[in-house]
Protein backbone atom coordinates (compact mmCIF):
# COMPACT_ATOMS: atom_id res chain seq x y z
CA MET A 1 -15.05 112.41 20.48
CA SER A 2 -16.06 110.76 17.21
CA ARG A 3 -12.45 109.99 16.25
CA VAL A 4 -11.18 108.45 19.46
CA PRO A 5 -13.44 105.37 19.26
CA GLY A 6 -12.53 104.83 15.68
CA TRP A 7 -8.90 104.93 16.38
CA LEU A 8 -9.29 102.65 19.33
CA GLY A 9 -11.28 100.19 17.19
CA ARG A 10 -8.56 100.15 14.57
CA LEU A 11 -5.89 99.60 17.21
CA GLY A 12 -7.85 96.66 18.73
CA ALA A 13 -8.40 95.17 15.36
CA GLY A 14 -4.66 95.43 14.58
CA LEU A 15 -3.65 93.94 17.91
CA THR A 16 -6.12 91.06 17.27
CA ALA A 17 -4.74 90.28 13.94
CA MET A 18 -1.22 90.42 15.35
CA GLY A 19 -2.17 87.88 18.05
CA ASP A 20 -3.76 85.51 15.46
CA ARG A 21 -0.57 85.69 13.43
CA LEU A 22 1.60 84.98 16.56
CA ASN A 23 -0.56 82.01 17.45
CA ALA A 24 -0.32 80.63 13.93
CA ARG A 25 3.60 81.02 13.84
CA ARG A 26 3.77 79.46 17.34
CA ALA A 27 1.66 76.53 16.17
CA GLN A 28 3.86 76.19 13.02
CA ALA A 29 7.10 76.31 15.07
CA GLU A 30 5.71 73.55 17.56
CA LYS A 31 4.85 71.37 14.53
CA ASP A 32 8.27 71.79 13.01
CA ASP A 33 10.08 71.07 16.31
CA ASP A 34 8.07 67.77 16.73
CA PHE A 35 8.87 66.68 13.18
CA GLY A 36 12.67 67.43 13.67
CA GLU A 37 12.78 65.33 16.93
CA GLY A 38 11.11 62.31 15.31
CA ASP A 39 13.51 62.44 12.32
CA ASP A 40 16.60 62.75 14.52
CA PHE A 41 15.49 59.73 16.66
CA GLY A 42 14.74 57.74 13.50
CA ARG A 43 18.30 58.50 12.15
CA SER A 44 19.86 57.44 15.40
CA ASN A 45 17.95 54.11 15.36
CA ALA A 46 18.91 53.54 11.76
CA THR A 47 22.57 54.19 12.50
CA ASP A 48 22.66 51.93 15.67
CA ARG A 49 20.84 49.03 13.98
CA GLY A 50 22.89 48.92 10.82
CA GLY A 51 20.50 50.58 8.38
CA ASN A 52 17.10 49.41 9.90
CA ASP A 53 14.55 51.82 8.47
CA SER A 54 11.78 51.03 10.88
CA ALA A 55 12.02 54.59 12.32
CA GLY A 56 11.30 56.08 8.88
CA ALA A 57 8.08 54.16 8.83
CA ASP A 58 7.19 55.52 12.31
CA THR A 59 7.82 59.30 11.29
CA PRO A 60 4.96 59.64 8.90
CA ALA A 61 2.63 57.99 11.36
CA ALA A 62 3.68 60.51 14.05
CA SER A 63 3.26 63.47 11.67
CA THR A 64 -0.08 62.13 10.64
CA ALA A 65 -1.25 61.70 14.27
CA THR A 66 -0.13 65.26 15.06
CA ALA A 67 -1.88 66.65 12.14
CA ASN A 68 -5.07 64.80 13.07
CA GLY A 69 -4.86 65.95 16.71
CA THR A 70 -4.16 62.56 18.11
CA PRO A 71 -1.01 61.83 20.33
CA PRO A 72 2.03 60.41 18.54
CA PRO A 73 2.98 56.65 19.23
CA PRO A 74 5.51 56.09 21.98
CA PRO A 75 9.09 56.20 20.88
CA SER A 76 11.11 53.10 20.15
CA PRO A 77 13.32 51.65 22.90
CA PRO A 78 16.95 52.69 22.91
CA SER A 79 19.52 50.81 20.82
CA ASP A 80 21.22 49.29 23.86
CA THR A 81 18.14 47.31 25.07
CA PRO A 82 18.54 43.57 24.25
CA VAL A 83 16.11 42.28 21.70
CA ALA A 84 14.78 38.66 21.89
CA ALA A 85 16.07 36.39 19.04
CA PRO A 86 13.22 34.88 16.82
CA ALA A 87 12.16 31.36 17.71
CA PRO A 88 13.73 28.65 15.43
CA ALA A 89 11.37 26.82 13.06
CA ALA A 90 10.17 23.35 14.38
CA ARG A 91 12.12 20.56 12.88
CA PRO A 92 10.33 17.39 11.52
CA ASP A 93 10.34 14.03 13.28
CA PRO A 94 13.49 12.05 12.19
CA ALA A 95 11.43 8.86 11.63
CA ALA A 96 9.14 10.76 9.27
CA ALA A 97 12.21 12.05 7.38
CA VAL A 98 13.30 8.44 6.51
CA PRO A 99 11.73 6.98 3.37
CA TRP A 100 9.13 4.34 3.77
CA GLY A 101 11.05 1.77 1.89
CA MET A 102 14.18 2.27 4.09
CA ARG A 103 12.07 2.12 7.26
CA VAL A 104 10.55 -1.30 6.07
CA ALA A 105 13.96 -2.65 5.16
CA ALA A 106 15.40 -1.63 8.53
CA GLU A 107 12.46 -3.31 10.38
CA ALA A 108 12.91 -6.51 8.50
CA GLY A 109 16.66 -6.40 8.69
CA TRP A 110 16.95 -6.26 12.52
CA ARG A 111 14.31 -9.04 12.88
CA LEU A 112 16.28 -11.23 10.40
CA LEU A 113 19.43 -10.46 12.46
CA VAL A 114 17.62 -11.56 15.69
CA LEU A 115 16.35 -14.68 13.96
CA ALA A 116 19.79 -15.50 12.51
CA GLY A 117 21.35 -15.11 15.85
CA THR A 118 18.82 -17.39 17.51
CA VAL A 119 19.41 -20.00 14.84
CA TRP A 120 23.20 -19.85 15.41
CA VAL A 121 22.91 -20.15 19.12
CA LEU A 122 20.62 -23.19 18.63
CA MET A 123 23.13 -24.81 16.20
CA ARG A 124 25.86 -24.24 18.68
CA VAL A 125 23.86 -26.01 21.42
CA ILE A 126 22.96 -28.83 19.07
CA SER A 127 26.59 -29.22 18.14
CA ALA A 128 27.69 -29.45 21.80
CA VAL A 129 25.10 -32.24 22.56
CA GLN A 130 25.20 -33.70 19.02
CA LEU A 131 25.10 -37.35 20.19
CA VAL A 132 22.03 -36.82 22.42
CA VAL A 133 20.05 -34.96 19.78
CA LEU A 134 20.86 -37.41 16.98
CA ALA A 135 19.89 -40.36 19.30
CA PHE A 136 16.59 -38.68 20.25
CA VAL A 137 15.79 -37.93 16.61
CA ALA A 138 16.55 -41.50 15.60
CA ALA A 139 14.30 -42.56 18.36
CA LEU A 140 11.57 -40.33 17.00
CA LEU A 141 11.97 -41.95 13.44
CA ILE A 142 11.89 -45.49 14.99
CA THR A 143 8.91 -44.62 16.98
CA ALA A 144 7.07 -43.38 13.96
CA LEU A 145 7.82 -46.55 12.31
CA LEU A 146 6.67 -48.80 15.30
CA GLN A 147 3.87 -46.79 16.82
CA PRO A 148 1.12 -48.09 14.26
CA THR A 149 2.03 -51.58 15.53
CA VAL A 150 1.49 -50.59 19.22
CA ALA A 151 -1.89 -48.97 18.31
CA ARG A 152 -2.95 -52.08 16.37
CA LEU A 153 -2.13 -54.31 19.44
CA ARG A 154 -4.03 -51.93 21.81
CA ARG A 155 -7.10 -52.20 19.59
CA TYR A 156 -6.81 -55.98 19.88
CA GLY A 157 -6.99 -55.65 23.79
CA VAL A 158 -3.27 -56.04 24.56
CA PRO A 159 -2.15 -53.90 27.56
CA ARG A 160 -0.04 -50.79 26.74
CA GLY A 161 3.09 -52.05 28.41
CA LEU A 162 2.96 -55.49 26.82
CA ALA A 163 2.24 -54.03 23.40
CA THR A 164 5.19 -51.51 23.75
CA ALA A 165 7.56 -54.28 24.90
CA LEU A 166 6.56 -56.64 22.09
CA THR A 167 6.93 -54.10 19.40
CA ALA A 168 10.16 -52.58 20.59
CA THR A 169 11.72 -56.02 21.13
CA LEU A 170 10.68 -57.28 17.70
CA GLY A 171 11.90 -54.01 16.03
CA PHE A 172 15.30 -53.96 17.71
CA VAL A 173 15.84 -57.73 17.06
CA VAL A 174 15.07 -57.18 13.37
CA MET A 175 17.52 -54.27 13.16
CA GLY A 176 20.19 -56.17 15.04
CA LEU A 177 19.87 -59.18 12.80
CA VAL A 178 20.18 -57.03 9.76
CA GLY A 179 23.31 -55.44 11.08
CA TRP A 180 24.78 -58.85 12.11
CA PHE A 181 24.01 -60.23 8.67
CA VAL A 182 25.80 -57.43 6.90
CA VAL A 183 28.91 -57.74 9.09
CA TRP A 184 28.84 -61.72 8.71
CA GLN A 185 28.56 -61.44 4.96
CA VAL A 186 31.32 -58.99 4.60
CA MET A 187 33.72 -61.00 6.90
CA GLU A 188 32.91 -64.24 5.02
CA ASN A 189 33.70 -62.60 1.60
CA ILE A 190 36.48 -60.35 2.39
CA ASP A 191 39.25 -62.86 1.23
CA ASN A 192 37.58 -63.64 -1.93
CA LEU A 193 36.80 -60.02 -2.54
CA SER A 194 40.24 -59.00 -2.13
CA ASP A 195 41.47 -61.62 -4.72
CA GLN A 196 38.73 -60.47 -7.06
CA VAL A 197 39.63 -56.80 -6.56
CA GLN A 198 43.34 -57.56 -7.39
CA ASP A 199 42.16 -59.40 -10.60
CA GLY A 200 39.80 -56.59 -11.47
CA ILE A 201 42.60 -54.04 -11.10
CA ASP A 202 44.81 -56.08 -13.35
CA GLU A 203 41.96 -56.35 -15.94
CA LEU A 204 41.27 -52.74 -15.65
CA GLN A 205 45.03 -51.98 -16.25
CA ARG A 206 45.03 -54.01 -19.48
CA TRP A 207 41.76 -52.41 -20.58
CA LEU A 208 43.33 -48.96 -20.08
CA LEU A 209 46.50 -49.94 -22.04
CA ASN A 210 44.26 -51.11 -25.01
CA SER A 211 41.64 -48.39 -24.74
CA PRO A 212 41.41 -45.29 -27.01
CA PHE A 213 42.55 -43.05 -24.16
CA HIS A 214 46.15 -43.78 -25.09
CA VAL A 215 47.23 -44.44 -21.44
CA THR A 216 50.77 -45.84 -21.30
CA GLU A 217 52.15 -48.48 -18.66
CA ASP A 218 54.52 -45.80 -17.23
CA GLN A 219 51.60 -43.53 -16.54
CA ILE A 220 49.76 -46.39 -14.67
CA LYS A 221 52.84 -47.13 -12.75
CA ASP A 222 53.21 -43.52 -11.79
CA ILE A 223 49.66 -43.38 -10.56
CA ALA A 224 50.19 -46.51 -8.51
CA LYS A 225 53.44 -45.10 -7.00
CA SER A 226 51.73 -41.83 -6.09
CA LEU A 227 49.11 -43.87 -4.35
CA ARG A 228 51.73 -45.87 -2.32
CA GLU A 229 53.46 -42.70 -1.32
CA ALA A 230 50.28 -41.16 -0.23
CA VAL A 231 49.51 -44.02 1.99
CA GLY A 232 52.96 -44.18 3.48
CA ALA A 233 52.97 -40.43 4.16
CA ASN A 234 49.67 -40.48 5.80
CA THR A 235 50.54 -43.52 7.99
CA ASP A 236 50.38 -41.54 11.21
CA GLU A 237 47.08 -40.02 10.37
CA ILE A 238 45.73 -43.47 9.60
CA THR A 239 46.98 -44.80 12.85
CA SER A 240 45.55 -41.84 14.80
CA ALA A 241 42.22 -42.47 12.97
CA GLY A 242 42.36 -46.14 14.05
CA LEU A 243 42.87 -45.02 17.58
CA GLU A 244 39.92 -42.56 17.38
CA GLY A 245 37.90 -45.47 16.08
CA VAL A 246 37.70 -46.76 19.67
CA THR A 247 36.09 -43.44 20.76
CA VAL A 248 33.70 -43.65 17.81
CA ILE A 249 32.62 -47.10 18.88
CA VAL A 250 32.06 -46.05 22.40
CA GLU A 251 29.95 -43.06 21.18
CA ALA A 252 28.05 -45.38 18.80
CA LEU A 253 27.26 -47.69 21.63
CA THR A 254 26.04 -44.88 23.84
CA GLY A 255 23.93 -43.48 20.97
CA ILE A 256 22.33 -46.90 20.43
CA LEU A 257 21.47 -47.22 24.06
CA LEU A 258 20.03 -43.65 24.23
CA THR A 259 17.95 -44.45 21.11
CA MET A 260 16.56 -47.73 22.60
CA PHE A 261 15.51 -46.08 25.92
CA SER A 262 14.06 -43.13 24.21
CA THR A 263 12.10 -45.34 21.79
CA LEU A 264 10.69 -47.29 24.70
CA PHE A 265 9.45 -44.18 26.60
CA LEU A 266 8.06 -42.63 23.52
CA LEU A 267 6.12 -45.78 22.58
CA TYR A 268 4.81 -46.21 25.98
CA ASP A 269 4.11 -42.67 27.23
CA GLY A 270 4.27 -40.51 24.12
CA LYS A 271 0.91 -38.91 24.68
CA ARG A 272 1.76 -37.73 28.28
CA ILE A 273 5.19 -36.50 27.01
CA TRP A 274 3.32 -34.36 24.39
CA GLN A 275 0.84 -32.98 26.90
CA TRP A 276 3.80 -31.99 29.31
CA THR A 277 5.51 -30.34 26.33
CA LEU A 278 2.31 -28.31 25.61
CA LYS A 279 2.37 -26.88 29.15
CA LEU A 280 5.80 -25.26 28.28
CA VAL A 281 4.13 -23.26 25.45
CA PRO A 282 2.57 -19.93 26.30
CA ALA A 283 -1.22 -19.98 26.76
CA ALA A 284 -1.87 -17.79 23.83
CA ALA A 285 -0.08 -19.94 21.33
CA ARG A 286 -1.04 -23.33 23.01
CA PRO A 287 -4.18 -24.04 20.83
CA GLY A 288 -2.19 -23.53 17.59
CA VAL A 289 0.67 -25.79 18.71
CA ALA A 290 -1.73 -28.33 20.09
CA GLY A 291 -3.29 -28.59 16.60
CA ALA A 292 0.00 -28.53 14.66
CA GLY A 293 1.52 -31.48 16.79
CA PRO A 294 -0.73 -34.30 15.52
CA ARG A 295 -0.37 -33.15 11.90
CA ALA A 296 3.40 -33.06 12.18
CA TRP A 297 3.42 -36.50 13.73
CA ARG A 298 1.26 -37.86 10.79
CA THR A 299 3.68 -36.31 8.42
CA LEU A 300 6.61 -37.85 10.07
CA THR A 301 4.91 -41.30 10.13
CA ALA A 302 3.97 -41.13 6.49
CA TYR A 303 7.52 -40.20 5.62
CA VAL A 304 9.17 -42.88 7.59
CA ARG A 305 6.80 -45.62 6.35
CA GLY A 306 7.02 -44.48 2.78
CA THR A 307 10.80 -44.17 2.91
CA VAL A 308 11.04 -47.74 4.26
CA ILE A 309 8.91 -49.15 1.65
CA VAL A 310 10.73 -47.31 -1.19
CA ALA A 311 14.19 -48.33 0.26
CA LEU A 312 13.03 -52.01 0.50
CA ILE A 313 11.95 -51.97 -3.07
CA ASP A 314 15.23 -50.31 -4.22
CA ALA A 315 17.32 -52.88 -2.33
CA ILE A 316 15.28 -55.84 -3.55
CA PHE A 317 15.47 -55.05 -7.23
CA ILE A 318 18.96 -53.65 -7.34
CA GLY A 319 20.26 -56.58 -5.22
CA LEU A 320 18.55 -59.01 -7.66
CA GLY A 321 20.10 -57.25 -10.62
CA ILE A 322 23.67 -57.40 -9.28
CA PHE A 323 23.08 -60.91 -8.04
CA PHE A 324 22.17 -62.21 -11.51
CA LEU A 325 25.21 -60.26 -12.88
CA ASP A 326 27.23 -62.46 -10.50
CA VAL A 327 28.63 -59.50 -8.62
CA PRO A 328 30.14 -60.65 -5.23
CA MET A 329 28.46 -59.57 -1.94
CA ALA A 330 25.19 -58.84 -3.65
CA VAL A 331 23.20 -59.15 -0.29
CA PRO A 332 25.38 -56.80 1.70
CA LEU A 333 25.35 -54.42 -1.09
CA ALA A 334 21.62 -54.60 -1.12
CA VAL A 335 21.48 -53.81 2.65
CA PHE A 336 23.82 -50.77 2.01
CA ILE A 337 21.38 -49.57 -0.70
CA PHE A 338 18.43 -49.94 1.80
CA LEU A 339 20.18 -48.04 4.48
CA PHE A 340 21.51 -45.27 2.10
CA ALA A 341 17.98 -44.86 0.74
CA PHE A 342 17.14 -42.92 3.90
CA ILE A 343 19.33 -40.12 2.66
CA PRO A 344 17.15 -38.74 -0.23
CA LEU A 345 18.86 -38.26 -3.61
CA VAL A 346 22.41 -38.35 -2.27
CA GLY A 347 22.08 -41.74 -0.62
CA ALA A 348 20.81 -43.39 -3.84
CA VAL A 349 23.70 -41.99 -5.87
CA VAL A 350 26.27 -43.24 -3.34
CA SER A 351 25.02 -46.72 -2.90
CA GLY A 352 24.47 -47.09 -6.70
CA ALA A 353 27.99 -45.93 -7.30
CA LEU A 354 29.27 -48.39 -4.76
CA ALA A 355 27.55 -51.34 -6.46
CA VAL A 356 28.86 -50.11 -9.88
CA VAL A 357 32.46 -49.80 -8.38
CA VAL A 358 32.34 -53.34 -6.91
CA ALA A 359 31.12 -54.68 -10.26
CA LEU A 360 33.88 -52.89 -12.15
CA VAL A 361 36.75 -54.15 -10.12
CA THR A 362 35.42 -57.68 -9.76
CA GLN A 363 33.76 -58.57 -12.99
CA GLY A 364 34.92 -56.07 -15.52
CA VAL A 365 33.76 -53.10 -17.55
CA PHE A 366 30.77 -54.85 -19.17
CA THR A 367 29.34 -56.07 -15.90
CA ALA A 368 29.81 -52.60 -14.51
CA VAL A 369 27.93 -50.98 -17.37
CA MET A 370 25.08 -53.49 -16.93
CA ALA A 371 25.05 -52.79 -13.13
CA LEU A 372 24.88 -49.06 -13.91
CA ILE A 373 21.81 -49.62 -16.15
CA VAL A 374 20.08 -51.61 -13.39
CA VAL A 375 20.75 -49.00 -10.83
CA LEU A 376 19.58 -46.03 -13.03
CA ALA A 377 16.36 -47.99 -14.15
CA VAL A 378 15.33 -48.71 -10.56
CA GLN A 379 16.11 -45.24 -9.37
CA GLN A 380 14.02 -43.67 -12.29
CA ILE A 381 11.12 -45.89 -11.30
CA GLU A 382 11.55 -44.85 -7.75
CA GLY A 383 11.69 -41.09 -8.37
CA HIS A 384 8.71 -40.95 -10.93
CA ILE A 385 6.34 -43.63 -9.76
CA LEU A 386 7.07 -45.08 -6.26
CA GLN A 387 7.76 -42.01 -4.28
CA PRO A 388 4.69 -39.90 -5.61
CA PHE A 389 2.44 -42.94 -5.21
CA ILE A 390 3.54 -44.06 -1.87
CA LEU A 391 4.35 -40.76 -0.04
CA GLY A 392 1.63 -38.99 -1.85
CA ARG A 393 0.64 -35.54 -0.58
CA ALA A 394 1.78 -36.17 3.04
CA VAL A 395 5.37 -35.02 2.37
CA ARG A 396 5.42 -32.18 -0.06
CA VAL A 397 9.09 -30.87 -0.21
CA HIS A 398 10.59 -29.33 -3.28
CA PRO A 399 13.74 -31.22 -4.68
CA LEU A 400 15.82 -28.00 -4.23
CA ALA A 401 14.81 -27.89 -0.50
CA VAL A 402 15.75 -31.70 -0.29
CA VAL A 403 19.22 -31.06 -1.75
CA LEU A 404 19.97 -28.09 0.41
CA SER A 405 18.71 -29.64 3.63
CA VAL A 406 20.74 -32.80 3.03
CA ALA A 407 23.83 -30.73 2.32
CA ALA A 408 23.28 -28.58 5.43
CA GLY A 409 22.53 -31.54 7.69
CA GLY A 410 25.66 -33.34 6.44
CA MET A 411 27.74 -30.28 7.15
CA VAL A 412 26.29 -29.77 10.63
CA ALA A 413 26.05 -33.44 11.85
CA GLY A 414 27.51 -35.76 9.23
CA ILE A 415 25.63 -38.76 8.00
CA GLY A 416 23.14 -38.57 10.90
CA GLY A 417 22.30 -34.99 10.06
CA ALA A 418 21.77 -35.88 6.33
CA VAL A 419 19.38 -38.57 7.42
CA VAL A 420 17.26 -36.38 9.66
CA ALA A 421 17.35 -33.26 7.57
CA VAL A 422 14.53 -34.06 5.08
CA PRO A 423 12.03 -35.26 7.67
CA LEU A 424 12.77 -32.20 9.74
CA VAL A 425 11.96 -29.99 6.80
CA ALA A 426 8.82 -31.94 5.90
CA VAL A 427 7.55 -31.59 9.48
CA THR A 428 8.54 -27.87 9.52
CA ASN A 429 6.66 -27.28 6.32
CA THR A 430 3.50 -28.98 7.81
CA VAL A 431 3.69 -27.04 10.96
CA VAL A 432 4.18 -23.67 9.24
CA GLY A 433 1.43 -24.27 6.96
CA TYR A 434 -1.06 -25.21 9.74
CA LEU A 435 -0.12 -22.31 11.88
CA ARG A 436 -0.64 -19.96 8.89
CA SER A 437 -4.08 -21.21 8.18
CA TYR A 438 -4.95 -21.27 11.95
CA SER A 439 -4.07 -17.55 12.30
CA GLN A 440 -6.32 -16.82 9.44
CA GLU A 441 -9.34 -18.54 10.89
CA PRO A 442 -10.36 -15.72 13.29
CA ALA A 443 -10.39 -13.28 10.41
CA LEU A 444 -12.58 -15.66 8.47
CA ARG A 445 -14.98 -16.08 11.44
CA THR A 446 -15.29 -12.33 11.98
CA SER A 447 -15.57 -11.39 8.33
CA PRO A 448 -19.04 -10.32 7.04
CA VAL A 449 -21.34 -12.93 5.51
CA PRO A 450 -20.72 -13.04 1.78
CA ARG A 451 -23.67 -12.06 -0.46
CA GLY A 452 -24.72 -12.82 -3.98
CA ALA A 453 -22.92 -15.29 -6.29
CA THR A 454 -19.97 -15.43 -3.88
CA ALA A 455 -21.96 -16.87 -1.09
CA THR A 456 -22.54 -20.13 -2.98
CA GLY A 457 -18.84 -20.81 -3.08
CA VAL A 458 -18.10 -19.84 0.48
CA ALA A 459 -21.04 -20.73 2.56
CA PRO A 460 -21.17 -24.19 4.25
CA VAL A 461 -23.26 -26.77 2.65
CA GLU A 462 -25.97 -28.22 4.89
CA HIS A 463 -26.22 -31.95 4.61
CA ARG A 464 -29.77 -33.13 5.13
CA PRO A 465 -30.80 -36.78 5.56
CA PRO A 466 -32.72 -38.21 2.75
CA SER A 467 -36.53 -38.22 3.43
C-alpha cells in the first residue's frame, strides 16, 4: 500500500513536468510563427516598393509588442493601394521675387510712357489747330502787356468797356503803325539798297582778290555761276512758294483777326473766363490751381513787360549805332531788332547778323566790323545788366532751358513757336513750384510743434504794436 501512492506521485509529477515543457514549446512555436509572418510581409512590401525598408522598421516593433504582451500594430496596406502624392511646396509671390530697384524702374517707366503719350497726342492736336493756338497765345501776350493800362483806367473811374476799348484801340493802332512804317521804309529804300548791294558785292569781290585767303577770280566766277544755276534749277519751287504766299497771307490775316478778338475778350472779361476755367478742374485740385493761376499771370506779365523794355533798348542803341555808321535802312533794321528780341538768345543773334550783313554789302568790311562791335556791346549789356535788373526774379529760367525751349518751339510751330516757348516755360516753372509748395503745406500744418532752438527759426513771429 505504501508503494502505490509513491508511484502515482512520481507519475503525476512527470506528467506535470511534461505538460509544462509542451506549453513552453507551444509558446515558442507561436512566437516563431508570428516573427516569420512579419518578416515575409516586410520583404514583400520592400520588393513591391522598390527597396523601401519601412517594413523592416515595423518588425522589431511587432516583436517587441509581442514580447511585452501587447498586440502588434496593424499590418501595412497592400502594395496595389494608391498612395497620395506629397503636396508641392508653396511658391513665393512673383512680385516679391522681382528686385526692388527693378520694380521701381518699372513703375516709373510705365508712368513716363503714359506721360509721353499724352504729350504726343497734345502736340498732334496743337499741330492740327496751330493757327488758332498761336493766335490765342499771341492774344495772351498782348493782354499781359495791355492789362495794366486797363486796370489803371479802371482805378481812375473809367467804365470797364470804355477802358478796354481805349486800350485795345491804342495798342492795335501802335502795332499797325509800326508795321506800316517798316514796310514803307523798305519799299522806299529798295532801289537804293539794290544799287548799294551791287556795289558792295563788287567791293567784296575786290577785297577777296586782294585778301590773304588767295581767292582767284575764276573761283569767284564759279561760285556766282553755281548760284545762278541753283536759282534757275529751283525756279519751279520758287514759283510754287510764291503761289503758296497767297495762302500764307490769308492765314496771317485770319490769325490777326483771331488775335484781336481774343485780346478784346480777355481784356474785358478775363476774370470771368478764368472762373469758368476753374470749374473744369476737379474739386480736389481746384484750390491749388486757383492759387497758381494769379502767380502764373504775374509771371507772364513781368516777362512780357520786361522783354518789351529790353527789346526797345536794344533797338534804340543798335539802331543809333548803325545810323551813325551810315548803314542804309537803319530804322527798319532797328524795328527788326525789336521784333526779333522776343525770341531770346536766337533772335538777338539773327537780327544782329542781319545788320552786320547789310553793313558789309553796302558799306564795306570796316563798317561791318564796326557794326558787329556795336551789336556785341549792346547784347552784352543786355544779357548781364538789363535782363537781370528788369526781369529780376519774376522769370527764373536757366539758359539751357531757354535754348532747348526755343529750338523745340521752332521745330513744332516755326517762328511763332519760338516766340511763345520761353514764356510758356517760365509760366510752367512758376506753376510747378507753387503746386509743389502747396502740396507740402498740409504736412507742415499737421507736423508737431518744434521745440528747443529749432522753434525760434520756425515759429511765426508775433508783431505787436508799439506801446
